[in-house]
Structures are given as structure tokens and as C-alpha cells.
Amino acid sequence: MTAAMFTWPACIAAWTGFLALALAMDRHHDQILGGRPRPVRRRVFTLAGWSLLMAAAAGAVLGWGWSIGLAALWGVLSLAGGALVLALSHAPRRLPRITLALIATIWLPLLFL
């Protein structure tokens, strides 16, 4: 398997992780889903967000190795975080659909085998 096969899933995991962390905050939860999150829901979003960011780190390191993987992880996190900030600014109500569309494309690197 090539390193590029791990990069796209790492980007999707980072996007989803950042979105989960945003949904744990009152303001973003209200923007995206409406209302404030309950304490249990906030904890679930926080735990899921950090877990997905760890999965993104694991994907980058598995694909590229420790030396390049950590640098690639910074790029993946920057790309996902920047795109999410833009999406939160312009279309916060569409984020669940955008995220589902991204998750549906997780298999795309398999086309390049």
C-alpha cells in the first residue's frame, strides 16, 4: 500500500474530529444542530473528536512513517481545520451533509491500487 492511501482517510478523520470538537461547544452546536448540547452529549462529542484526531495521527504515521508522517499530519490538520473554519463561517447548517459526503469518499484511494 502506498502512503497516499492513508492520507485521504486521515484528512476525513481530522475533519470529523474537528467537527465533533466544534459540536461540543455551545456556539457551534447551536449553529450546526440548534440548541445547546447536554452534558452527556458534550462529553461524547469531545471524546469522539479527540479519538478521531488520534486516528488521523495514526493514519499519517502508518502511511508515511514517523519522520514524514508527523509533518504530513500537520498538513492534514491544517487542511481539515482551515476547511472546517470556512464551512462554519459560510454554511454551518450544511456541515452534517458535507461530512457524510466526505465519509462516503473514504474508499477513493482504493481506486489507485
N, C-alpha and C. Protein backbone atom coordinates (compact mmCIF):
# COMPACT_ATOMS: atom_id res chain seq x y z
N MET A 1 0.83 -1.19 0.00
CA MET A 1 0.00 0.00 0.00
C MET A 1 0.88 1.25 0.00
N THR A 2 0.39 2.26 -0.65
CA THR A 2 1.15 3.49 -0.72
C THR A 2 0.75 4.43 0.42
N ALA A 3 1.61 5.41 0.63
CA ALA A 3 1.35 6.37 1.71
C ALA A 3 0.13 7.22 1.41
N ALA A 4 -0.12 7.46 0.13
CA ALA A 4 -1.28 8.29 -0.24
C ALA A 4 -2.60 7.62 0.15
N MET A 5 -2.61 6.31 0.28
CA MET A 5 -3.84 5.63 0.67
C MET A 5 -4.25 5.96 2.10
N PHE A 6 -3.29 6.34 2.93
CA PHE A 6 -3.59 6.69 4.30
C PHE A 6 -3.87 8.18 4.48
N THR A 7 -3.50 8.99 3.51
CA THR A 7 -3.61 10.43 3.67
C THR A 7 -5.06 10.91 3.59
N TRP A 8 -5.81 10.44 2.61
CA TRP A 8 -7.20 10.88 2.47
C TRP A 8 -8.06 10.44 3.67
N PRO A 9 -7.97 9.18 4.11
CA PRO A 9 -8.71 8.82 5.33
C PRO A 9 -8.26 9.63 6.55
N ALA A 10 -6.99 9.99 6.62
CA ALA A 10 -6.52 10.83 7.74
C ALA A 10 -7.15 12.21 7.66
N CYS A 11 -7.29 12.75 6.44
CA CYS A 11 -7.96 14.05 6.27
C CYS A 11 -9.42 13.98 6.72
N ILE A 12 -10.10 12.92 6.35
CA ILE A 12 -11.50 12.77 6.73
C ILE A 12 -11.63 12.59 8.24
N ALA A 13 -10.73 11.83 8.84
CA ALA A 13 -10.76 11.65 10.29
C ALA A 13 -10.48 12.97 11.00
N ALA A 14 -9.56 13.77 10.47
CA ALA A 14 -9.26 15.06 11.08
C ALA A 14 -10.46 16.01 10.96
N TRP A 15 -11.08 16.05 9.78
CA TRP A 15 -12.27 16.89 9.58
C TRP A 15 -13.37 16.50 10.57
N THR A 16 -13.65 15.20 10.64
CA THR A 16 -14.71 14.72 11.51
C THR A 16 -14.37 14.94 12.98
N GLY A 17 -13.10 14.79 13.33
CA GLY A 17 -12.68 15.04 14.70
C GLY A 17 -12.83 16.50 15.09
N PHE A 18 -12.41 17.39 14.20
CA PHE A 18 -12.58 18.82 14.48
C PHE A 18 -14.06 19.20 14.54
N LEU A 19 -14.87 18.60 13.69
CA LEU A 19 -16.31 18.87 13.73
C LEU A 19 -16.91 18.39 15.05
N ALA A 20 -16.50 17.23 15.51
CA ALA A 20 -17.01 16.73 16.79
C ALA A 20 -16.60 17.65 17.94
N LEU A 21 -15.35 18.15 17.91
CA LEU A 21 -14.92 19.08 18.95
C LEU A 21 -15.69 20.40 18.86
N ALA A 22 -16.01 20.83 17.64
CA ALA A 22 -16.82 22.04 17.49
C ALA A 22 -18.23 21.83 18.01
N LEU A 23 -18.78 20.65 17.78
CA LEU A 23 -20.13 20.36 18.27
C LEU A 23 -20.19 20.25 19.79
N ALA A 24 -19.06 20.09 20.44
CA ALA A 24 -19.02 20.06 21.90
C ALA A 24 -19.12 21.46 22.49
N MET A 25 -18.99 22.49 21.65
CA MET A 25 -19.09 23.88 22.12
C MET A 25 -20.50 24.41 21.92
N ASP A 26 -20.95 25.24 22.84
CA ASP A 26 -22.31 25.77 22.78
C ASP A 26 -22.59 26.52 21.48
N ARG A 27 -21.70 27.43 21.12
CA ARG A 27 -21.95 28.28 19.96
C ARG A 27 -22.04 27.47 18.66
N HIS A 28 -21.09 26.59 18.45
CA HIS A 28 -21.09 25.83 17.19
C HIS A 28 -22.21 24.78 17.17
N HIS A 29 -22.52 24.21 18.31
CA HIS A 29 -23.63 23.26 18.37
C HIS A 29 -24.93 23.97 17.99
N ASP A 30 -25.09 25.19 18.47
CA ASP A 30 -26.28 25.97 18.13
C ASP A 30 -26.31 26.31 16.65
N GLN A 31 -25.16 26.66 16.07
CA GLN A 31 -25.08 26.99 14.65
C GLN A 31 -25.41 25.79 13.77
N ILE A 32 -24.90 24.63 14.14
CA ILE A 32 -25.00 23.46 13.27
C ILE A 32 -26.28 22.68 13.50
N LEU A 33 -26.56 22.34 14.76
CA LEU A 33 -27.70 21.48 15.07
C LEU A 33 -28.84 22.21 15.77
N GLY A 34 -28.56 23.39 16.29
CA GLY A 34 -29.57 24.13 17.04
C GLY A 34 -29.58 23.72 18.50
N GLY A 35 -29.69 24.67 19.38
CA GLY A 35 -29.73 24.39 20.81
C GLY A 35 -28.36 24.15 21.40
N ARG A 36 -28.36 23.92 22.70
CA ARG A 36 -27.12 23.65 23.41
C ARG A 36 -26.99 22.16 23.67
N PRO A 37 -25.78 21.63 23.66
CA PRO A 37 -25.62 20.20 23.92
C PRO A 37 -25.80 19.89 25.41
N ARG A 38 -26.37 18.75 25.68
CA ARG A 38 -26.47 18.28 27.06
C ARG A 38 -25.08 17.85 27.51
N PRO A 39 -24.85 17.77 28.82
CA PRO A 39 -23.51 17.40 29.30
C PRO A 39 -23.03 16.04 28.79
N VAL A 40 -23.92 15.07 28.69
CA VAL A 40 -23.51 13.75 28.18
C VAL A 40 -23.13 13.84 26.71
N ARG A 41 -23.93 14.56 25.96
CA ARG A 41 -23.64 14.73 24.53
C ARG A 41 -22.34 15.50 24.32
N ARG A 42 -22.11 16.50 25.15
CA ARG A 42 -20.86 17.27 25.06
C ARG A 42 -19.66 16.36 25.30
N ARG A 43 -19.77 15.49 26.30
CA ARG A 43 -18.67 14.58 26.61
C ARG A 43 -18.45 13.58 25.47
N VAL A 44 -19.53 13.09 24.88
CA VAL A 44 -19.41 12.15 23.75
C VAL A 44 -18.74 12.83 22.56
N PHE A 45 -19.15 14.06 22.25
CA PHE A 45 -18.52 14.78 21.14
C PHE A 45 -17.05 15.04 21.40
N THR A 46 -16.71 15.40 22.63
CA THR A 46 -15.31 15.66 22.97
C THR A 46 -14.48 14.40 22.85
N LEU A 47 -14.96 13.31 23.40
CA LEU A 47 -14.24 12.04 23.33
C LEU A 47 -14.10 11.56 21.88
N ALA A 48 -15.18 11.68 21.11
CA ALA A 48 -15.13 11.27 19.70
C ALA A 48 -14.16 12.15 18.92
N GLY A 49 -14.17 13.44 19.19
CA GLY A 49 -13.28 14.35 18.49
C GLY A 49 -11.81 14.02 18.71
N TRP A 50 -11.43 13.83 19.97
CA TRP A 50 -10.03 13.51 20.25
C TRP A 50 -9.66 12.13 19.72
N SER A 51 -10.59 11.20 19.77
CA SER A 51 -10.32 9.86 19.23
C SER A 51 -10.09 9.91 17.72
N LEU A 52 -10.90 10.69 17.03
CA LEU A 52 -10.73 10.81 15.58
C LEU A 52 -9.45 11.55 15.22
N LEU A 53 -9.05 12.51 16.01
CA LEU A 53 -7.77 13.18 15.75
C LEU A 53 -6.60 12.22 15.98
N MET A 54 -6.73 11.34 16.96
CA MET A 54 -5.70 10.31 17.18
C MET A 54 -5.69 9.31 16.02
N ALA A 55 -6.86 9.01 15.48
CA ALA A 55 -6.93 8.12 14.31
C ALA A 55 -6.27 8.77 13.10
N ALA A 56 -6.45 10.07 12.95
CA ALA A 56 -5.78 10.79 11.86
C ALA A 56 -4.27 10.74 12.04
N ALA A 57 -3.81 10.90 13.27
CA ALA A 57 -2.37 10.82 13.54
C ALA A 57 -1.85 9.41 13.24
N ALA A 58 -2.60 8.40 13.64
CA ALA A 58 -2.19 7.02 13.37
C ALA A 58 -2.13 6.75 11.87
N GLY A 59 -3.12 7.27 11.13
CA GLY A 59 -3.11 7.08 9.68
C GLY A 59 -1.92 7.73 9.01
N ALA A 60 -1.58 8.93 9.44
CA ALA A 60 -0.43 9.62 8.86
C ALA A 60 0.86 8.90 9.18
N VAL A 61 1.02 8.44 10.41
CA VAL A 61 2.25 7.75 10.79
C VAL A 61 2.34 6.38 10.15
N LEU A 62 1.22 5.66 10.05
CA LEU A 62 1.23 4.36 9.38
C LEU A 62 1.57 4.49 7.89
N GLY A 63 1.05 5.53 7.27
CA GLY A 63 1.27 5.69 5.84
C GLY A 63 2.65 6.21 5.49
N TRP A 64 3.15 7.14 6.26
CA TRP A 64 4.39 7.82 5.90
C TRP A 64 5.58 7.47 6.80
N GLY A 65 5.34 6.80 7.90
CA GLY A 65 6.42 6.57 8.86
C GLY A 65 6.50 7.74 9.83
N TRP A 66 7.31 7.59 10.87
CA TRP A 66 7.36 8.62 11.91
C TRP A 66 7.93 9.94 11.42
N SER A 67 8.97 9.90 10.62
CA SER A 67 9.65 11.14 10.24
C SER A 67 8.78 12.02 9.35
N ILE A 68 8.26 11.48 8.29
CA ILE A 68 7.44 12.27 7.36
C ILE A 68 5.99 12.29 7.83
N GLY A 69 5.56 11.25 8.53
CA GLY A 69 4.17 11.16 8.99
C GLY A 69 3.77 12.30 9.91
N LEU A 70 4.65 12.70 10.81
CA LEU A 70 4.32 13.80 11.71
C LEU A 70 4.22 15.12 10.95
N ALA A 71 5.08 15.32 9.96
CA ALA A 71 4.98 16.53 9.13
C ALA A 71 3.72 16.48 8.27
N ALA A 72 3.41 15.30 7.73
CA ALA A 72 2.18 15.15 6.95
C ALA A 72 0.95 15.36 7.82
N LEU A 73 1.03 14.96 9.08
CA LEU A 73 -0.08 15.17 10.00
C LEU A 73 -0.36 16.66 10.19
N TRP A 74 0.67 17.46 10.31
CA TRP A 74 0.45 18.91 10.44
C TRP A 74 -0.25 19.47 9.21
N GLY A 75 0.13 18.97 8.04
CA GLY A 75 -0.55 19.41 6.81
C GLY A 75 -2.00 18.96 6.77
N VAL A 76 -2.25 17.72 7.17
CA VAL A 76 -3.61 17.19 7.20
C VAL A 76 -4.47 17.99 8.18
N LEU A 77 -3.94 18.24 9.38
CA LEU A 77 -4.68 19.01 10.37
C LEU A 77 -4.94 20.44 9.91
N SER A 78 -3.97 21.04 9.26
CA SER A 78 -4.15 22.40 8.75
C SER A 78 -5.21 22.45 7.65
N LEU A 79 -5.16 21.49 6.75
CA LEU A 79 -6.14 21.44 5.66
C LEU A 79 -7.55 21.23 6.21
N ALA A 80 -7.71 20.25 7.08
CA ALA A 80 -9.04 19.95 7.62
C ALA A 80 -9.56 21.09 8.50
N GLY A 81 -8.70 21.63 9.34
CA GLY A 81 -9.12 22.72 10.21
C GLY A 81 -9.48 23.97 9.44
N GLY A 82 -8.67 24.33 8.44
CA GLY A 82 -8.98 25.51 7.63
C GLY A 82 -10.27 25.36 6.85
N ALA A 83 -10.48 24.18 6.27
CA ALA A 83 -11.71 23.94 5.52
C ALA A 83 -12.93 23.98 6.44
N LEU A 84 -12.78 23.45 7.64
CA LEU A 84 -13.90 23.46 8.58
C LEU A 84 -14.22 24.87 9.05
N VAL A 85 -13.20 25.68 9.27
CA VAL A 85 -13.44 27.08 9.65
C VAL A 85 -14.20 27.82 8.56
N LEU A 86 -13.81 27.60 7.31
CA LEU A 86 -14.53 28.24 6.20
C LEU A 86 -15.97 27.73 6.12
N ALA A 87 -16.16 26.44 6.30
CA ALA A 87 -17.51 25.89 6.24
C ALA A 87 -18.37 26.38 7.40
N LEU A 88 -17.77 26.52 8.58
CA LEU A 88 -18.51 27.05 9.73
C LEU A 88 -18.92 28.50 9.50
N SER A 89 -18.10 29.22 8.78
CA SER A 89 -18.41 30.63 8.51
C SER A 89 -19.49 30.80 7.46
N HIS A 90 -19.51 29.94 6.46
CA HIS A 90 -20.40 30.16 5.32
C HIS A 90 -21.63 29.26 5.27
N ALA A 91 -21.52 28.03 5.75
CA ALA A 91 -22.66 27.11 5.63
C ALA A 91 -22.70 26.16 6.82
N PRO A 92 -22.93 26.67 8.03
CA PRO A 92 -22.89 25.77 9.19
C PRO A 92 -23.99 24.71 9.20
N ARG A 93 -25.15 25.01 8.65
CA ARG A 93 -26.24 24.02 8.66
C ARG A 93 -26.00 22.87 7.68
N ARG A 94 -25.12 23.08 6.71
CA ARG A 94 -24.83 22.03 5.72
C ARG A 94 -23.71 21.10 6.15
N LEU A 95 -23.07 21.37 7.27
CA LEU A 95 -21.92 20.57 7.69
C LEU A 95 -22.24 19.09 7.90
N PRO A 96 -23.37 18.71 8.47
CA PRO A 96 -23.64 17.26 8.57
C PRO A 96 -23.69 16.56 7.20
N ARG A 97 -24.31 17.21 6.22
CA ARG A 97 -24.37 16.60 4.88
C ARG A 97 -23.00 16.57 4.22
N ILE A 98 -22.22 17.63 4.39
CA ILE A 98 -20.86 17.67 3.83
C ILE A 98 -20.02 16.56 4.44
N THR A 99 -20.15 16.38 5.74
CA THR A 99 -19.37 15.35 6.43
C THR A 99 -19.76 13.96 5.96
N LEU A 100 -21.05 13.71 5.79
CA LEU A 100 -21.48 12.41 5.28
C LEU A 100 -20.96 12.17 3.86
N ALA A 101 -20.93 13.22 3.04
CA ALA A 101 -20.38 13.08 1.69
C ALA A 101 -18.89 12.76 1.74
N LEU A 102 -18.16 13.40 2.65
CA LEU A 102 -16.73 13.10 2.78
C LEU A 102 -16.51 11.67 3.26
N ILE A 103 -17.29 11.23 4.22
CA ILE A 103 -17.14 9.87 4.72
C ILE A 103 -17.43 8.86 3.62
N ALA A 104 -18.36 9.19 2.73
CA ALA A 104 -18.68 8.29 1.62
C ALA A 104 -17.53 8.16 0.63
N THR A 105 -16.61 9.13 0.63
CA THR A 105 -15.48 9.07 -0.31
C THR A 105 -14.23 8.45 0.30
N ILE A 106 -14.33 7.86 1.47
CA ILE A 106 -13.15 7.33 2.14
C ILE A 106 -12.52 6.17 1.36
N TRP A 107 -13.27 5.53 0.51
CA TRP A 107 -12.78 4.39 -0.27
C TRP A 107 -12.03 4.82 -1.53
N LEU A 108 -12.05 6.08 -1.90
CA LEU A 108 -11.45 6.54 -3.16
C LEU A 108 -9.97 6.15 -3.35
N PRO A 109 -9.12 6.16 -2.31
CA PRO A 109 -7.73 5.74 -2.55
C PRO A 109 -7.59 4.32 -3.04
N LEU A 110 -8.59 3.48 -2.83
CA LEU A 110 -8.51 2.11 -3.33
C LEU A 110 -8.53 2.05 -4.86
N LEU A 111 -9.02 3.11 -5.51
CA LEU A 111 -9.02 3.14 -6.98
C LEU A 111 -7.61 3.22 -7.55
N PHE A 112 -6.68 3.67 -6.75
CA PHE A 112 -5.31 3.88 -7.25
C PHE A 112 -4.36 2.75 -6.90
N LEU A 113 -4.89 1.60 -6.55
CA LEU A 113 -4.04 0.44 -6.26
C LEU A 113 -3.42 -0.13 -7.51
